[in-house]
Amino acid sequence: MRARRTLGAAALLSVFMLAACGEKPQTSGVKKVDAKAHSGSTVSGYTAPGWEPGNKTSWEGQVRERNKGQNEYQR
């Protein structure tokens, strides 16, 4: 009787372990191509003055200036 319980518990455990291996990937199925950060936004009003969309050097300068305002040691 005890051997039958142990065998049943082992079988049940193996079923649960195999069920965990059958998980399907959780992707949306839509492949999104992201644009470069410096390419700009199509929405007007969200750009900093002096920044030129598409110019990577200008974008890096704007990020650098914004980060200076967040540094407590430089304020």
Protein backbone atom coordinates (compact mmCIF):
# COMPACT_ATOMS: atom_id res chain seq x y z
CA MET A 1 0.00 0.00 0.00
CA ARG A 2 2.79 2.39 0.92
CA ALA A 3 4.69 1.63 -2.29
CA ARG A 4 1.56 2.39 -4.31
CA ARG A 5 1.18 5.80 -2.60
CA THR A 6 4.82 6.62 -3.19
CA LEU A 7 4.52 5.61 -6.84
CA GLY A 8 1.34 7.67 -7.21
CA ALA A 9 2.94 10.71 -5.58
CA ALA A 10 5.98 10.38 -7.83
CA ALA A 11 3.75 10.13 -10.90
CA LEU A 12 1.76 13.17 -9.84
CA LEU A 13 4.93 15.12 -9.18
CA SER A 14 6.35 14.22 -12.59
CA VAL A 15 3.10 15.36 -14.28
CA PHE A 16 3.34 18.75 -12.54
CA MET A 17 7.01 19.09 -13.48
CA LEU A 18 6.32 18.30 -17.13
CA ALA A 19 3.40 20.73 -17.20
CA ALA A 20 5.76 23.55 -16.24
CA CYS A 21 7.95 22.79 -19.27
CA GLY A 22 5.06 23.28 -21.66
CA GLU A 23 4.69 27.02 -21.14
CA LYS A 24 4.15 28.95 -24.36
CA PRO A 25 6.20 32.08 -25.13
CA GLN A 26 4.42 35.32 -24.18
CA THR A 27 5.02 37.50 -27.20
CA SER A 28 2.54 39.73 -28.95
CA GLY A 29 3.41 38.41 -32.40
CA VAL A 30 3.88 41.95 -33.73
CA LYS A 31 7.46 42.88 -34.52
CA LYS A 32 8.09 46.52 -33.66
CA VAL A 33 11.02 48.37 -35.14
CA ASP A 34 12.17 51.13 -32.83
CA ALA A 35 13.56 54.38 -34.16
CA LYS A 36 16.80 55.90 -32.97
CA ALA A 37 16.40 58.18 -29.96
CA HIS A 38 17.88 61.14 -31.80
CA SER A 39 15.55 60.77 -34.81
CA GLY A 40 12.90 62.96 -33.22
CA SER A 41 9.23 62.89 -32.35
CA THR A 42 6.33 63.40 -34.74
CA VAL A 43 4.41 65.23 -32.00
CA SER A 44 5.11 68.94 -31.87
CA GLY A 45 5.59 70.65 -28.53
CA TYR A 46 7.72 67.91 -27.02
CA THR A 47 11.07 69.05 -28.31
CA ALA A 48 13.55 71.20 -26.40
CA PRO A 49 14.45 74.56 -27.90
CA GLY A 50 17.72 74.37 -29.82
CA TRP A 51 17.40 70.70 -30.60
CA GLU A 52 17.38 69.61 -34.22
CA PRO A 53 15.56 66.34 -34.92
CA GLY A 54 17.82 63.79 -36.60
CA ASN A 55 21.06 65.41 -35.38
CA LYS A 56 22.71 62.97 -32.98
CA THR A 57 25.26 65.50 -31.69
CA SER A 58 22.53 68.02 -30.88
CA TRP A 59 20.53 65.30 -29.12
CA GLU A 60 23.51 64.24 -27.00
CA GLY A 61 24.11 67.87 -26.03
CA GLN A 62 20.50 68.27 -24.91
CA VAL A 63 20.70 65.09 -22.81
CA ARG A 64 23.95 66.29 -21.24
CA GLU A 65 22.38 69.66 -20.32
CA ARG A 66 19.29 67.96 -18.87
CA ASN A 67 21.48 65.69 -16.75
CA LYS A 68 23.38 68.66 -15.35
CA GLY A 69 20.13 69.92 -13.84
CA GLN A 70 19.65 66.62 -12.03
CA ASN A 71 23.11 66.51 -10.45
CA GLU A 72 22.96 67.75 -6.86
CA TYR A 73 26.70 68.49 -6.75
CA GLN A 74 26.53 70.93 -9.68
CA ARG A 75 23.48 72.92 -8.57
